[in-house]
Each structure stands twice: as structure tokens, then as C-alpha cells.
Protein backbone atom coordinates (compact mmCIF):
# COMPACT_ATOMS: atom_id res chain seq x y z
CA UNK A 1 0.00 0.00 0.00
CA UNK A 2 1.41 3.38 -1.00
CA UNK A 3 1.48 6.08 1.69
CA UNK A 4 -0.83 9.06 1.56
CA UNK A 5 1.02 12.33 2.00
CA UNK A 6 -0.70 15.38 3.46
CA UNK A 7 1.35 18.51 3.50
CA UNK A 8 1.19 22.02 4.70
CA UNK A 9 3.77 24.69 5.09
CA UNK A 10 4.37 27.97 6.76
CA UNK A 11 6.96 30.40 5.55
CA UNK A 12 8.10 33.69 6.84
CA UNK A 13 10.62 36.41 6.48
CA UNK A 14 11.51 38.65 9.35
CA UNK A 15 14.06 41.39 9.83
CA UNK A 16 13.79 41.06 13.62
CA UNK A 17 14.67 38.25 16.01
CA UNK A 18 12.00 35.58 16.28
CA UNK A 19 11.57 33.61 19.49
CA UNK A 20 8.70 31.31 18.48
CA UNK A 21 7.19 29.86 15.32
CA UNK A 22 3.80 28.17 15.19
CA UNK A 23 3.55 25.15 12.91
CA UNK A 24 0.15 23.64 12.13
CA UNK A 25 -0.66 20.38 10.43
CA UNK A 26 -3.83 18.82 9.02
CA UNK A 27 -6.34 17.85 11.71
CA UNK A 28 -7.24 14.80 9.61
CA UNK A 29 -3.99 12.95 10.39
CA UNK A 30 -5.15 9.50 11.53
CA UNK A 31 -3.72 7.89 14.63
CA UNK A 32 -0.40 6.21 13.85
CA UNK A 33 0.60 8.58 11.02
CA UNK A 34 4.03 10.22 11.16
CA UNK A 35 4.14 14.02 11.44
CA UNK A 36 7.37 15.79 10.45
CA UNK A 37 8.48 19.36 11.13
CA UNK A 38 11.40 20.77 9.14
CA UNK A 39 12.80 24.12 10.23
CA UNK A 40 15.43 26.40 8.80
CA UNK A 41 16.82 29.69 10.05
CA UNK A 42 19.40 32.29 9.20
CA UNK A 43 21.77 33.16 10.80
CA UNK A 44 23.56 30.06 11.97
CA UNK A 45 23.70 29.17 15.63
CA UNK A 46 19.92 28.95 16.00
CA UNK A 47 18.71 26.22 18.38
CA UNK A 48 15.29 24.63 17.79
CA UNK A 49 12.95 23.18 20.40
CA UNK A 50 9.80 21.18 19.73
CA UNK A 51 6.60 20.47 21.65
CA UNK A 52 6.35 17.33 23.76
CA UNK A 53 6.09 14.10 21.83
CA UNK A 54 8.42 15.16 18.99
CA UNK A 55 11.77 13.44 18.50
CA UNK A 56 14.53 15.41 16.82
CA UNK A 57 16.09 13.51 13.92
CA UNK A 58 18.55 16.12 12.71
CA UNK A 59 19.95 19.43 13.88
CA UNK A 60 22.80 21.38 12.36
CA UNK A 61 23.38 24.80 13.90
CA UNK A 62 25.85 25.79 11.17
CA UNK A 63 24.41 24.23 8.02
CA UNK A 64 26.50 25.33 5.04
CA UNK A 65 28.21 27.80 7.44
CA UNK A 66 25.32 30.22 6.90
CA UNK A 67 22.12 28.84 8.40
CA UNK A 68 20.63 26.37 10.86
CA UNK A 69 18.39 23.41 10.05
CA UNK A 70 16.41 20.87 12.04
CA UNK A 71 13.93 18.00 11.47
CA UNK A 72 11.71 16.35 14.08
CA UNK A 73 8.85 13.83 13.99
CA UNK A 74 6.16 12.25 16.10
CA UNK A 75 3.51 9.59 15.67
CA UNK A 76 0.04 11.13 15.50
CA UNK A 77 -2.39 10.26 18.25
CA UNK A 78 -5.30 11.22 15.96
CA UNK A 79 -6.41 14.28 17.96
CA UNK A 80 -3.84 16.91 16.95
CA UNK A 81 -4.72 19.82 14.76
């Protein structure tokens, strides 16, 4: 069985320092589905934190010597949104 992919994205551009970013995902994610969050930031040295239940897969605070990147995931409980 091929996976069904639901996607959404949030983008932004700010000339000031950001301290939080809100990421939403489809409320129709069935229980057991994987939910991924991918974040990127400039300048480098940015640390990312995720809500409870997410496991960080990758973090590079000096990606390409110019930015920071991070990926985290969790298994949907079916009631997020």
C-alpha cells in the first residue's frame, strides 16, 4: 500500500529576532501517522525546540556555514490539529 502524503507549510521572512514559530498540520492525520516538522533559520547558531512528543532527527546549527536546520517527527495520536 502506498502512503498518503498530506502537507502544509508555513513560511516567513523577518528582519527582527523571532523567538517562536507556530507550525500547524492537518487535523485529519489519523492515529499512527508520522508528522514531520522541518525548520530552517538564518543566521547560523539557532537552536530549535519542539513540543512534547516530537523526536529530533537532525539538527545542524551551522548548516552550510550560513544557516541552521532541524527535522523532528512524532507519531500522530489522531487528535492533533
